[in-house]
Amino acid sequence: MAETIAIDGPSGAGKSTVAKIIATKLNFKYIDTGAMYRAVTFLALEKDVIMEDNDIIIKIARDISIDFSTPDKDGNVLVFVNSRDLTDEIRSVEVDNNVSKVASIPEVREIMLEKQRELAGNNNVVMDGRDIGTRVLPDADLKIFLTATLEERAKRRYYDLVEREIDIDMAEVEEKIKIRDEKDSNREHSPLKEADDAHKIISDDLTPEEVADRIISLLEGGG
């Protein structure tokens, strides 16, 4: 029987990095639900869609095709959007600034919910996002709520942007994450929320490998 791991948490908590390590170690399928909302946002921006035009954004979400490559030996995963490799493009600052708006549209969330469940299918899967354990995979074998302090999450995001040669100030990154947290936690439909039966992991003083190993131990019953 297929095993499922749901990892939820705020922006910059390390969800995707940890999930990819787990997928590589356990040979699980990896699904980054945040990337799916980013993909819809990217296509809307590419088409110069006004972010308040929900009808067009909903149509983009309905028509979009998204798939993920198998993690390579270094844990890298490619994101294919309508057969285009948009792995880097969906991580732009412009997408960062608009994805919460797209993700707050109820119809978009319902469409993505079905696509996420279809991608999971009957596979062994590790899926990360903000409402996986509460909404997408409520019966997951293991639910994790991964978080860290705002300062730590901002630092991680800042260095990620610097590595990609994006010029931005640390204080600006922290403010954007704070705003994103508020939007994600307070939206009406499928807000960021810790599942009642989730294991909470605070990752400030842990490496991604250590977090991944702890989650694998929990899956295997090690506590």
N, C-alpha and C. Protein backbone atom coordinates (compact mmCIF):
# COMPACT_ATOMS: atom_id res chain seq x y z
N MET A 1 0.84 -1.20 0.00
CA MET A 1 0.00 0.00 0.00
C MET A 1 0.88 1.25 0.00
N ALA A 2 0.48 2.24 -0.80
CA ALA A 2 1.28 3.46 -0.94
C ALA A 2 1.35 4.23 0.37
N GLU A 3 2.51 4.85 0.61
CA GLU A 3 2.70 5.68 1.80
C GLU A 3 2.73 7.15 1.39
N THR A 4 2.14 8.00 2.23
CA THR A 4 2.08 9.42 1.92
C THR A 4 2.59 10.25 3.09
N ILE A 5 3.41 11.25 2.75
CA ILE A 5 3.93 12.19 3.74
C ILE A 5 3.47 13.58 3.35
N ALA A 6 2.80 14.27 4.27
CA ALA A 6 2.34 15.64 4.04
C ALA A 6 3.19 16.60 4.87
N ILE A 7 3.81 17.56 4.21
CA ILE A 7 4.64 18.55 4.91
C ILE A 7 4.06 19.94 4.68
N ASP A 8 3.60 20.56 5.75
CA ASP A 8 3.07 21.92 5.68
C ASP A 8 3.96 22.87 6.46
N GLY A 9 3.81 24.15 6.16
CA GLY A 9 4.58 25.15 6.89
C GLY A 9 4.63 26.46 6.14
N PRO A 10 5.09 27.51 6.79
CA PRO A 10 5.15 28.83 6.16
C PRO A 10 6.31 28.96 5.17
N SER A 11 6.33 30.07 4.48
CA SER A 11 7.38 30.36 3.51
C SER A 11 8.76 30.38 4.17
N GLY A 12 9.73 29.71 3.53
CA GLY A 12 11.10 29.73 4.03
C GLY A 12 11.40 28.73 5.12
N ALA A 13 10.45 27.85 5.43
CA ALA A 13 10.67 26.87 6.50
C ALA A 13 11.57 25.72 6.05
N GLY A 14 11.77 25.58 4.74
CA GLY A 14 12.61 24.51 4.23
C GLY A 14 11.84 23.30 3.74
N LYS A 15 10.54 23.46 3.52
CA LYS A 15 9.68 22.34 3.13
C LYS A 15 10.17 21.64 1.87
N SER A 16 10.39 22.41 0.82
CA SER A 16 10.75 21.82 -0.47
C SER A 16 12.11 21.12 -0.41
N THR A 17 13.08 21.77 0.23
CA THR A 17 14.41 21.18 0.35
C THR A 17 14.35 19.85 1.08
N VAL A 18 13.64 19.84 2.20
CA VAL A 18 13.52 18.62 3.01
C VAL A 18 12.74 17.55 2.25
N ALA A 19 11.64 17.95 1.62
CA ALA A 19 10.82 16.98 0.89
C ALA A 19 11.60 16.31 -0.24
N LYS A 20 12.44 17.09 -0.93
CA LYS A 20 13.24 16.52 -2.02
C LYS A 20 14.27 15.53 -1.50
N ILE A 21 14.85 15.82 -0.34
CA ILE A 21 15.81 14.88 0.27
C ILE A 21 15.10 13.58 0.61
N ILE A 22 13.91 13.68 1.19
CA ILE A 22 13.14 12.49 1.55
C ILE A 22 12.78 11.69 0.30
N ALA A 23 12.32 12.39 -0.73
CA ALA A 23 11.94 11.71 -1.97
C ALA A 23 13.12 10.96 -2.56
N THR A 24 14.30 11.57 -2.51
CA THR A 24 15.51 10.93 -3.04
C THR A 24 15.89 9.71 -2.22
N LYS A 25 15.86 9.83 -0.89
CA LYS A 25 16.27 8.73 -0.01
C LYS A 25 15.30 7.56 -0.05
N LEU A 26 14.01 7.85 -0.17
CA LEU A 26 13.00 6.79 -0.12
C LEU A 26 12.47 6.40 -1.49
N ASN A 27 12.94 7.09 -2.53
CA ASN A 27 12.45 6.86 -3.89
C ASN A 27 10.95 7.11 -3.99
N PHE A 28 10.50 8.20 -3.35
CA PHE A 28 9.10 8.61 -3.39
C PHE A 28 8.91 9.64 -4.50
N LYS A 29 7.69 9.76 -4.98
CA LYS A 29 7.34 10.84 -5.90
C LYS A 29 7.26 12.13 -5.09
N TYR A 30 7.78 13.22 -5.63
CA TYR A 30 7.76 14.51 -4.93
C TYR A 30 6.83 15.47 -5.65
N ILE A 31 5.94 16.10 -4.88
CA ILE A 31 5.01 17.08 -5.44
C ILE A 31 5.10 18.37 -4.63
N ASP A 32 5.51 19.44 -5.29
CA ASP A 32 5.65 20.76 -4.68
C ASP A 32 4.40 21.57 -5.04
N THR A 33 3.42 21.61 -4.14
CA THR A 33 2.16 22.29 -4.46
C THR A 33 2.36 23.79 -4.58
N GLY A 34 3.31 24.34 -3.85
CA GLY A 34 3.59 25.77 -3.98
C GLY A 34 4.03 26.11 -5.39
N ALA A 35 4.81 25.21 -6.00
CA ALA A 35 5.26 25.42 -7.37
C ALA A 35 4.08 25.45 -8.34
N MET A 36 3.03 24.71 -8.01
CA MET A 36 1.85 24.67 -8.88
C MET A 36 1.14 26.02 -8.88
N TYR A 37 1.00 26.63 -7.72
CA TYR A 37 0.40 27.97 -7.66
C TYR A 37 1.33 29.00 -8.31
N ARG A 38 2.62 28.81 -8.14
CA ARG A 38 3.59 29.70 -8.78
C ARG A 38 3.48 29.59 -10.31
N ALA A 39 3.26 28.39 -10.80
CA ALA A 39 3.15 28.18 -12.25
C ALA A 39 1.95 28.94 -12.81
N VAL A 40 0.83 28.85 -12.13
CA VAL A 40 -0.36 29.59 -12.56
C VAL A 40 -0.07 31.10 -12.54
N THR A 41 0.57 31.55 -11.48
CA THR A 41 0.91 32.97 -11.34
C THR A 41 1.84 33.41 -12.47
N PHE A 42 2.86 32.60 -12.76
CA PHE A 42 3.81 32.94 -13.82
C PHE A 42 3.10 33.10 -15.16
N LEU A 43 2.22 32.15 -15.50
CA LEU A 43 1.52 32.22 -16.79
C LEU A 43 0.62 33.45 -16.85
N ALA A 44 -0.03 33.78 -15.72
CA ALA A 44 -0.87 34.98 -15.69
C ALA A 44 -0.03 36.24 -15.93
N LEU A 45 1.12 36.31 -15.28
CA LEU A 45 2.01 37.45 -15.48
C LEU A 45 2.54 37.49 -16.91
N GLU A 46 2.88 36.33 -17.44
CA GLU A 46 3.41 36.25 -18.80
C GLU A 46 2.39 36.76 -19.81
N LYS A 47 1.11 36.54 -19.52
CA LYS A 47 0.03 36.98 -20.42
C LYS A 47 -0.46 38.39 -20.08
N ASP A 48 0.24 39.06 -19.13
CA ASP A 48 -0.14 40.41 -18.70
C ASP A 48 -1.56 40.47 -18.15
N VAL A 49 -1.96 39.42 -17.46
CA VAL A 49 -3.29 39.38 -16.86
C VAL A 49 -3.31 40.28 -15.62
N ILE A 50 -4.37 41.05 -15.47
CA ILE A 50 -4.55 41.85 -14.26
C ILE A 50 -4.85 40.88 -13.13
N MET A 51 -4.14 41.02 -12.00
CA MET A 51 -4.26 40.05 -10.92
C MET A 51 -5.64 40.02 -10.26
N GLU A 52 -6.47 41.02 -10.54
CA GLU A 52 -7.83 41.03 -10.01
C GLU A 52 -8.81 40.32 -10.94
N ASP A 53 -8.33 39.90 -12.12
CA ASP A 53 -9.21 39.23 -13.10
C ASP A 53 -9.28 37.74 -12.79
N ASN A 54 -10.10 37.40 -11.80
CA ASN A 54 -10.17 36.01 -11.34
C ASN A 54 -10.58 35.04 -12.43
N ASP A 55 -11.50 35.46 -13.31
CA ASP A 55 -12.02 34.54 -14.33
C ASP A 55 -10.90 34.02 -15.24
N ILE A 56 -10.02 34.91 -15.67
CA ILE A 56 -8.92 34.49 -16.55
C ILE A 56 -7.93 33.62 -15.78
N ILE A 57 -7.65 33.98 -14.53
CA ILE A 57 -6.72 33.19 -13.72
C ILE A 57 -7.28 31.79 -13.47
N ILE A 58 -8.58 31.71 -13.23
CA ILE A 58 -9.23 30.40 -13.04
C ILE A 58 -9.10 29.56 -14.31
N LYS A 59 -9.28 30.19 -15.48
CA LYS A 59 -9.14 29.46 -16.74
C LYS A 59 -7.71 28.96 -16.93
N ILE A 60 -6.73 29.80 -16.58
CA ILE A 60 -5.33 29.38 -16.68
C ILE A 60 -5.10 28.16 -15.79
N ALA A 61 -5.63 28.20 -14.57
CA ALA A 61 -5.47 27.08 -13.64
C ALA A 61 -6.12 25.81 -14.18
N ARG A 62 -7.29 25.97 -14.78
CA ARG A 62 -8.01 24.81 -15.30
C ARG A 62 -7.26 24.17 -16.47
N ASP A 63 -6.66 25.00 -17.32
CA ASP A 63 -6.02 24.50 -18.55
C ASP A 63 -4.57 24.07 -18.35
N ILE A 64 -3.97 24.45 -17.24
CA ILE A 64 -2.53 24.22 -17.06
C ILE A 64 -2.19 22.74 -16.88
N SER A 65 -1.05 22.36 -17.40
CA SER A 65 -0.51 21.01 -17.18
C SER A 65 0.81 21.15 -16.42
N ILE A 66 0.91 20.47 -15.29
CA ILE A 66 2.10 20.58 -14.44
C ILE A 66 2.61 19.20 -14.09
N ASP A 67 3.91 19.02 -14.18
CA ASP A 67 4.51 17.75 -13.76
C ASP A 67 5.89 18.02 -13.18
N PHE A 68 6.37 17.04 -12.43
CA PHE A 68 7.67 17.16 -11.76
C PHE A 68 8.57 16.01 -12.16
N SER A 69 9.86 16.32 -12.35
CA SER A 69 10.82 15.25 -12.65
C SER A 69 11.12 14.47 -11.37
N THR A 70 11.69 13.30 -11.55
CA THR A 70 12.18 12.54 -10.40
C THR A 70 13.42 13.26 -9.86
N PRO A 71 13.55 13.41 -8.54
CA PRO A 71 14.74 14.08 -8.00
C PRO A 71 16.02 13.39 -8.47
N ASP A 72 17.03 14.19 -8.89
CA ASP A 72 18.31 13.59 -9.25
C ASP A 72 19.10 13.30 -7.98
N LYS A 73 20.35 12.86 -8.14
CA LYS A 73 21.14 12.44 -6.97
C LYS A 73 21.39 13.59 -6.00
N ASP A 74 21.29 14.83 -6.49
CA ASP A 74 21.48 16.00 -5.63
C ASP A 74 20.16 16.56 -5.11
N GLY A 75 19.06 15.87 -5.43
CA GLY A 75 17.75 16.31 -4.95
C GLY A 75 17.10 17.37 -5.81
N ASN A 76 17.67 17.67 -6.98
CA ASN A 76 17.09 18.69 -7.85
C ASN A 76 15.88 18.15 -8.59
N VAL A 77 14.83 18.94 -8.65
CA VAL A 77 13.59 18.55 -9.32
C VAL A 77 13.22 19.63 -10.33
N LEU A 78 12.90 19.22 -11.55
CA LEU A 78 12.47 20.17 -12.57
C LEU A 78 10.95 20.28 -12.55
N VAL A 79 10.46 21.49 -12.82
CA VAL A 79 9.02 21.74 -12.87
C VAL A 79 8.64 22.02 -14.32
N PHE A 80 7.79 21.17 -14.87
CA PHE A 80 7.36 21.32 -16.26
C PHE A 80 5.95 21.88 -16.30
N VAL A 81 5.79 23.01 -16.99
CA VAL A 81 4.50 23.68 -17.10
C VAL A 81 4.12 23.74 -18.57
N ASN A 82 3.05 23.04 -18.92
CA ASN A 82 2.66 22.93 -20.33
C ASN A 82 3.86 22.49 -21.18
N SER A 83 4.59 21.50 -20.64
CA SER A 83 5.77 20.89 -21.28
C SER A 83 6.99 21.81 -21.34
N ARG A 84 6.95 22.97 -20.71
CA ARG A 84 8.10 23.89 -20.64
C ARG A 84 8.78 23.75 -19.28
N ASP A 85 10.09 23.72 -19.29
CA ASP A 85 10.84 23.71 -18.03
C ASP A 85 10.87 25.14 -17.49
N LEU A 86 10.06 25.38 -16.44
CA LEU A 86 9.99 26.71 -15.84
C LEU A 86 10.46 26.69 -14.39
N THR A 87 11.36 25.77 -14.10
CA THR A 87 11.85 25.58 -12.73
C THR A 87 12.35 26.88 -12.11
N ASP A 88 13.15 27.63 -12.85
CA ASP A 88 13.72 28.88 -12.32
C ASP A 88 12.75 30.05 -12.44
N GLU A 89 12.03 30.09 -13.55
CA GLU A 89 11.15 31.24 -13.81
C GLU A 89 10.06 31.41 -12.75
N ILE A 90 9.55 30.32 -12.22
CA ILE A 90 8.46 30.44 -11.24
C ILE A 90 8.95 30.89 -9.87
N ARG A 91 10.26 31.03 -9.70
CA ARG A 91 10.83 31.47 -8.42
C ARG A 91 11.22 32.95 -8.44
N SER A 92 10.74 33.69 -9.43
CA SER A 92 11.12 35.11 -9.53
C SER A 92 10.47 35.94 -8.43
N VAL A 93 11.03 37.11 -8.19
CA VAL A 93 10.48 38.03 -7.19
C VAL A 93 9.07 38.46 -7.59
N GLU A 94 8.85 38.67 -8.88
CA GLU A 94 7.52 39.08 -9.35
C GLU A 94 6.47 38.02 -9.04
N VAL A 95 6.84 36.76 -9.22
CA VAL A 95 5.92 35.67 -8.86
C VAL A 95 5.72 35.66 -7.34
N ASP A 96 6.81 35.82 -6.60
CA ASP A 96 6.72 35.90 -5.13
C ASP A 96 5.67 36.92 -4.70
N ASN A 97 5.68 38.07 -5.36
CA ASN A 97 4.83 39.18 -4.95
C ASN A 97 3.35 38.98 -5.30
N ASN A 98 3.05 38.02 -6.17
CA ASN A 98 1.68 37.85 -6.64
C ASN A 98 1.05 36.49 -6.34
N VAL A 99 1.85 35.52 -5.92
CA VAL A 99 1.33 34.16 -5.78
C VAL A 99 0.28 34.04 -4.68
N SER A 100 0.38 34.80 -3.61
CA SER A 100 -0.62 34.72 -2.55
C SER A 100 -2.00 35.11 -3.05
N LYS A 101 -2.05 36.11 -3.92
CA LYS A 101 -3.33 36.54 -4.50
C LYS A 101 -3.94 35.41 -5.31
N VAL A 102 -3.14 34.79 -6.15
CA VAL A 102 -3.63 33.68 -6.97
C VAL A 102 -4.08 32.51 -6.09
N ALA A 103 -3.27 32.20 -5.09
CA ALA A 103 -3.56 31.05 -4.21
C ALA A 103 -4.77 31.28 -3.32
N SER A 104 -5.22 32.52 -3.21
CA SER A 104 -6.37 32.82 -2.35
C SER A 104 -7.70 32.69 -3.09
N ILE A 105 -7.66 32.48 -4.40
CA ILE A 105 -8.89 32.36 -5.19
C ILE A 105 -9.48 30.96 -4.95
N PRO A 106 -10.68 30.86 -4.36
CA PRO A 106 -11.24 29.55 -4.01
C PRO A 106 -11.31 28.57 -5.17
N GLU A 107 -11.72 29.05 -6.35
CA GLU A 107 -11.84 28.16 -7.50
C GLU A 107 -10.49 27.61 -7.94
N VAL A 108 -9.47 28.45 -7.84
CA VAL A 108 -8.11 28.00 -8.19
C VAL A 108 -7.67 26.91 -7.22
N ARG A 109 -7.95 27.09 -5.94
CA ARG A 109 -7.56 26.09 -4.93
C ARG A 109 -8.27 24.76 -5.18
N GLU A 110 -9.54 24.82 -5.57
CA GLU A 110 -10.28 23.58 -5.84
C GLU A 110 -9.70 22.87 -7.06
N ILE A 111 -9.37 23.62 -8.09
CA ILE A 111 -8.77 23.03 -9.30
C ILE A 111 -7.42 22.41 -8.97
N MET A 112 -6.59 23.14 -8.22
CA MET A 112 -5.27 22.63 -7.85
C MET A 112 -5.38 21.41 -6.93
N LEU A 113 -6.39 21.41 -6.06
CA LEU A 113 -6.61 20.27 -5.17
C LEU A 113 -6.77 18.99 -5.98
N GLU A 114 -7.60 19.04 -7.01
CA GLU A 114 -7.82 17.86 -7.85
C GLU A 114 -6.56 17.47 -8.60
N LYS A 115 -5.83 18.46 -9.11
CA LYS A 115 -4.60 18.16 -9.84
C LYS A 115 -3.55 17.54 -8.91
N GLN A 116 -3.49 18.04 -7.68
CA GLN A 116 -2.53 17.51 -6.70
C GLN A 116 -2.84 16.06 -6.35
N ARG A 117 -4.11 15.77 -6.15
CA ARG A 117 -4.50 14.39 -5.84
C ARG A 117 -4.28 13.47 -7.03
N GLU A 118 -4.50 13.98 -8.24
CA GLU A 118 -4.24 13.19 -9.45
C GLU A 118 -2.75 12.87 -9.57
N LEU A 119 -1.90 13.86 -9.30
CA LEU A 119 -0.46 13.64 -9.37
C LEU A 119 -0.01 12.60 -8.34
N ALA A 120 -0.62 12.64 -7.16
CA ALA A 120 -0.26 11.68 -6.11
C ALA A 120 -0.67 10.28 -6.51
N GLY A 121 -1.88 10.14 -7.03
CA GLY A 121 -2.37 8.84 -7.47
C GLY A 121 -2.19 7.77 -6.42
N ASN A 122 -1.68 6.63 -6.83
CA ASN A 122 -1.40 5.52 -5.91
C ASN A 122 0.09 5.38 -5.65
N ASN A 123 0.83 6.47 -5.80
CA ASN A 123 2.28 6.45 -5.61
C ASN A 123 2.66 6.64 -4.14
N ASN A 124 3.85 6.16 -3.79
CA ASN A 124 4.47 6.62 -2.54
C ASN A 124 4.85 8.08 -2.79
N VAL A 125 4.37 8.98 -1.97
CA VAL A 125 4.52 10.39 -2.29
C VAL A 125 4.85 11.23 -1.07
N VAL A 126 5.68 12.24 -1.28
CA VAL A 126 5.89 13.29 -0.28
C VAL A 126 5.47 14.59 -0.94
N MET A 127 4.53 15.27 -0.31
CA MET A 127 3.93 16.48 -0.87
C MET A 127 4.07 17.61 0.13
N ASP A 128 4.50 18.77 -0.34
CA ASP A 128 4.62 19.90 0.59
C ASP A 128 3.80 21.08 0.12
N GLY A 129 3.38 21.88 1.11
CA GLY A 129 2.56 23.05 0.80
C GLY A 129 2.10 23.73 2.08
N ARG A 130 0.87 24.21 2.05
CA ARG A 130 0.33 24.92 3.21
C ARG A 130 -0.97 24.32 3.73
N ASP A 131 -1.59 23.45 2.94
CA ASP A 131 -2.84 22.82 3.39
C ASP A 131 -2.87 21.33 3.04
N ILE A 132 -1.70 20.70 3.02
CA ILE A 132 -1.63 19.30 2.58
C ILE A 132 -2.27 18.38 3.62
N GLY A 133 -1.82 18.51 4.86
CA GLY A 133 -2.34 17.63 5.91
C GLY A 133 -3.77 17.92 6.30
N THR A 134 -4.21 19.16 6.09
CA THR A 134 -5.57 19.54 6.49
C THR A 134 -6.58 19.39 5.37
N ARG A 135 -6.13 19.45 4.12
CA ARG A 135 -7.08 19.49 3.00
C ARG A 135 -6.75 18.53 1.86
N VAL A 136 -5.53 18.57 1.36
CA VAL A 136 -5.20 17.78 0.17
C VAL A 136 -5.09 16.30 0.48
N LEU A 137 -4.30 15.97 1.51
CA LEU A 137 -4.11 14.57 1.91
C LEU A 137 -4.45 14.42 3.40
N PRO A 138 -5.72 14.58 3.75
CA PRO A 138 -6.09 14.52 5.18
C PRO A 138 -5.85 13.17 5.82
N ASP A 139 -5.70 12.12 5.00
CA ASP A 139 -5.45 10.78 5.53
C ASP A 139 -4.00 10.35 5.34
N ALA A 140 -3.10 11.31 5.17
CA ALA A 140 -1.68 10.99 4.98
C ALA A 140 -1.15 10.14 6.12
N ASP A 141 -0.23 9.24 5.81
CA ASP A 141 0.36 8.37 6.83
C ASP A 141 1.14 9.17 7.86
N LEU A 142 1.77 10.26 7.41
CA LEU A 142 2.55 11.10 8.31
C LEU A 142 2.36 12.55 7.93
N LYS A 143 2.03 13.36 8.94
CA LYS A 143 1.85 14.80 8.72
C LYS A 143 2.90 15.57 9.51
N ILE A 144 3.55 16.49 8.84
CA ILE A 144 4.59 17.30 9.45
C ILE A 144 4.22 18.77 9.31
N PHE A 145 4.40 19.54 10.38
CA PHE A 145 4.30 21.00 10.29
C PHE A 145 5.70 21.53 10.56
N LEU A 146 6.34 22.00 9.48
CA LEU A 146 7.73 22.45 9.54
C LEU A 146 7.77 23.97 9.59
N THR A 147 8.44 24.51 10.58
CA THR A 147 8.50 25.96 10.70
C THR A 147 9.85 26.41 11.23
N ALA A 148 10.04 27.71 11.31
CA ALA A 148 11.25 28.33 11.87
C ALA A 148 10.88 29.77 12.18
N THR A 149 11.75 30.46 12.90
CA THR A 149 11.47 31.86 13.21
C THR A 149 11.44 32.68 11.93
N LEU A 150 10.76 33.82 11.99
CA LEU A 150 10.70 34.71 10.84
C LEU A 150 12.09 35.12 10.39
N GLU A 151 12.96 35.42 11.34
CA GLU A 151 14.33 35.86 11.02
C GLU A 151 15.10 34.78 10.27
N GLU A 152 14.97 33.54 10.72
CA GLU A 152 15.67 32.43 10.08
C GLU A 152 15.13 32.18 8.68
N ARG A 153 13.83 32.24 8.54
CA ARG A 153 13.22 32.00 7.23
C ARG A 153 13.59 33.10 6.24
N ALA A 154 13.64 34.34 6.73
CA ALA A 154 14.04 35.46 5.87
C ALA A 154 15.49 35.31 5.42
N LYS A 155 16.34 34.88 6.34
CA LYS A 155 17.76 34.69 6.02
C LYS A 155 17.93 33.64 4.92
N ARG A 156 17.21 32.53 5.05
CA ARG A 156 17.30 31.47 4.04
C ARG A 156 16.84 31.96 2.68
N ARG A 157 15.71 32.66 2.68
CA ARG A 157 15.17 33.17 1.42
C ARG A 157 16.13 34.20 0.80
N TYR A 158 16.71 35.04 1.63
CA TYR A 158 17.64 36.06 1.15
C TYR A 158 18.84 35.42 0.45
N TYR A 159 19.44 34.43 1.10
CA TYR A 159 20.61 33.78 0.50
C TYR A 159 20.26 33.01 -0.76
N ASP A 160 19.04 32.49 -0.81
CA ASP A 160 18.57 31.81 -2.02
C ASP A 160 18.49 32.81 -3.17
N LEU A 161 17.96 33.99 -2.91
CA LEU A 161 17.84 35.03 -3.94
C LEU A 161 19.21 35.55 -4.36
N VAL A 162 20.10 35.74 -3.39
CA VAL A 162 21.46 36.20 -3.69
C VAL A 162 22.18 35.19 -4.59
N GLU A 163 21.98 33.92 -4.28
CA GLU A 163 22.62 32.86 -5.08
C GLU A 163 22.14 32.91 -6.52
N ARG A 164 20.91 33.37 -6.70
CA ARG A 164 20.35 33.48 -8.05
C ARG A 164 20.55 34.88 -8.64
N GLU A 165 21.44 35.65 -7.97
CA GLU A 165 21.86 36.97 -8.44
C GLU A 165 20.69 37.95 -8.53
N ILE A 166 19.76 37.84 -7.58
CA ILE A 166 18.65 38.79 -7.48
C ILE A 166 19.00 39.80 -6.40
N ASP A 167 19.01 41.08 -6.79
CA ASP A 167 19.42 42.15 -5.87
C ASP A 167 18.24 42.56 -4.99
N ILE A 168 18.34 42.25 -3.70
CA ILE A 168 17.26 42.57 -2.77
C ILE A 168 17.84 42.73 -1.37
N ASP A 169 17.19 43.53 -0.55
CA ASP A 169 17.65 43.81 0.81
C ASP A 169 17.05 42.80 1.79
N MET A 170 17.83 42.40 2.80
CA MET A 170 17.37 41.43 3.80
C MET A 170 16.08 41.90 4.48
N ALA A 171 16.03 43.18 4.85
CA ALA A 171 14.84 43.72 5.52
C ALA A 171 13.61 43.61 4.64
N GLU A 172 13.81 43.82 3.34
CA GLU A 172 12.70 43.72 2.39
C GLU A 172 12.20 42.28 2.30
N VAL A 173 13.14 41.34 2.29
CA VAL A 173 12.77 39.91 2.25
C VAL A 173 11.95 39.55 3.48
N GLU A 174 12.41 40.00 4.64
CA GLU A 174 11.71 39.68 5.89
C GLU A 174 10.30 40.27 5.89
N GLU A 175 10.16 41.49 5.39
CA GLU A 175 8.84 42.12 5.36
C GLU A 175 7.90 41.39 4.40
N LYS A 176 8.43 40.96 3.25
CA LYS A 176 7.61 40.22 2.29
C LYS A 176 7.14 38.89 2.86
N ILE A 177 8.02 38.20 3.59
CA ILE A 177 7.64 36.92 4.19
C ILE A 177 6.59 37.14 5.28
N LYS A 178 6.75 38.21 6.05
CA LYS A 178 5.78 38.52 7.09
C LYS A 178 4.40 38.76 6.49
N ILE A 179 4.35 39.51 5.40
CA ILE A 179 3.09 39.77 4.71
C ILE A 179 2.51 38.48 4.16
N ARG A 180 3.38 37.65 3.57
CA ARG A 180 2.93 36.36 3.01
C ARG A 180 2.36 35.48 4.12
N ASP A 181 3.01 35.45 5.27
CA ASP A 181 2.51 34.66 6.41
C ASP A 181 1.09 35.08 6.77
N GLU A 182 0.88 36.40 6.86
CA GLU A 182 -0.43 36.92 7.25
C GLU A 182 -1.49 36.56 6.23
N LYS A 183 -1.15 36.68 4.95
CA LYS A 183 -2.11 36.34 3.89
C LYS A 183 -2.43 34.85 3.92
N ASP A 184 -1.40 34.02 4.04
CA ASP A 184 -1.61 32.57 4.01
C ASP A 184 -2.41 32.08 5.21
N SER A 185 -2.15 32.66 6.36
CA SER A 185 -2.80 32.21 7.59
C SER A 185 -4.23 32.72 7.73
N ASN A 186 -4.53 33.84 7.09
CA ASN A 186 -5.83 34.49 7.29
C ASN A 186 -6.78 34.38 6.11
N ARG A 187 -6.35 33.74 5.02
CA ARG A 187 -7.27 33.63 3.89
C ARG A 187 -8.46 32.75 4.28
N GLU A 188 -9.58 32.99 3.64
CA GLU A 188 -10.82 32.30 4.01
C GLU A 188 -10.79 30.83 3.64
N HIS A 189 -10.24 30.52 2.47
CA HIS A 189 -10.27 29.15 1.98
C HIS A 189 -8.90 28.47 2.14
N SER A 190 -8.89 27.33 2.80
CA SER A 190 -7.69 26.51 2.99
C SER A 190 -6.49 27.32 3.50
N PRO A 191 -6.62 27.97 4.64
CA PRO A 191 -5.50 28.74 5.18
C PRO A 191 -4.37 27.84 5.66
N LEU A 192 -3.19 28.43 5.81
CA LEU A 192 -2.07 27.72 6.42
C LEU A 192 -2.45 27.38 7.85
N LYS A 193 -2.42 26.09 8.16
CA LYS A 193 -2.86 25.65 9.49
C LYS A 193 -2.18 24.33 9.82
N GLU A 194 -1.78 24.19 11.08
CA GLU A 194 -1.17 22.94 11.54
C GLU A 194 -2.26 21.91 11.78
N ALA A 195 -2.16 20.74 11.14
CA ALA A 195 -3.14 19.67 11.36
C ALA A 195 -3.07 19.19 12.81
N ASP A 196 -4.21 18.79 13.34
CA ASP A 196 -4.26 18.35 14.74
C ASP A 196 -3.32 17.19 15.02
N ASP A 197 -3.14 16.33 14.02
CA ASP A 197 -2.31 15.13 14.22
C ASP A 197 -0.92 15.27 13.58
N ALA A 198 -0.50 16.50 13.33
CA ALA A 198 0.82 16.72 12.72
C ALA A 198 1.93 16.74 13.78
N HIS A 199 3.11 16.32 13.37
CA HIS A 199 4.32 16.44 14.20
C HIS A 199 4.97 17.78 13.85
N LYS A 200 5.13 18.64 14.85
CA LYS A 200 5.72 19.95 14.61
C LYS A 200 7.23 19.89 14.75
N ILE A 201 7.93 20.40 13.74
CA ILE A 201 9.40 20.45 13.77
C ILE A 201 9.83 21.90 13.54
N ILE A 202 10.61 22.43 14.49
CA ILE A 202 11.17 23.78 14.36
C ILE A 202 12.61 23.63 13.85
N SER A 203 12.87 24.18 12.68
CA SER A 203 14.10 23.82 11.95
C SER A 203 15.26 24.80 12.09
N ASP A 204 15.12 25.83 12.96
CA ASP A 204 16.16 26.86 13.06
C ASP A 204 17.57 26.28 13.22
N ASP A 205 17.73 25.32 14.11
CA ASP A 205 19.06 24.80 14.43
C ASP A 205 19.32 23.43 13.81
N LEU A 206 18.54 23.10 12.79
CA LEU A 206 18.68 21.80 12.13
C LEU A 206 19.04 21.98 10.67
N THR A 207 19.88 21.10 10.14
CA THR A 207 20.15 21.11 8.71
C THR A 207 18.99 20.41 8.00
N PRO A 208 18.81 20.65 6.70
CA PRO A 208 17.76 19.94 5.96
C PRO A 208 17.90 18.42 6.07
N GLU A 209 19.14 17.93 6.05
CA GLU A 209 19.37 16.48 6.18
C GLU A 209 18.87 15.97 7.53
N GLU A 210 19.12 16.73 8.58
CA GLU A 210 18.68 16.32 9.92
C GLU A 210 17.16 16.30 10.01
N VAL A 211 16.52 17.30 9.41
CA VAL A 211 15.06 17.32 9.41
C VAL A 211 14.51 16.14 8.63
N ALA A 212 15.10 15.88 7.45
CA ALA A 212 14.65 14.76 6.63
C ALA A 212 14.80 13.44 7.36
N ASP A 213 15.93 13.24 8.02
CA ASP A 213 16.16 12.00 8.76
C ASP A 213 15.17 11.84 9.90
N ARG A 214 14.83 12.94 10.54
CA ARG A 214 13.85 12.88 11.64
C ARG A 214 12.48 12.47 11.10
N ILE A 215 12.12 13.00 9.95
CA ILE A 215 10.82 12.67 9.35
C ILE A 215 10.79 11.21 8.91
N ILE A 216 11.88 10.75 8.31
CA ILE A 216 11.95 9.34 7.90
C ILE A 216 11.84 8.42 9.11
N SER A 217 12.48 8.81 10.20
CA SER A 217 12.40 8.03 11.44
C SER A 217 10.96 7.97 11.95
N LEU A 218 10.25 9.09 11.86
CA LEU A 218 8.85 9.12 12.27
C LEU A 218 8.00 8.20 11.39
N LEU A 219 8.28 8.23 10.09
CA LEU A 219 7.53 7.37 9.16
C LEU A 219 7.75 5.90 9.47
N GLU A 220 8.98 5.59 9.86
CA GLU A 220 9.32 4.19 10.15
C GLU A 220 8.97 3.78 11.57
N GLY A 221 8.34 4.71 12.31
CA GLY A 221 7.89 4.39 13.66
C GLY A 221 8.92 4.62 14.73
N GLY A 222 9.98 5.37 14.39
CA GLY A 222 11.05 5.60 15.36
C GLY A 222 10.77 6.71 16.35
N GLY A 223 9.72 7.51 16.11
CA GLY A 223 9.36 8.59 17.03
C GLY A 223 10.29 9.78 16.93
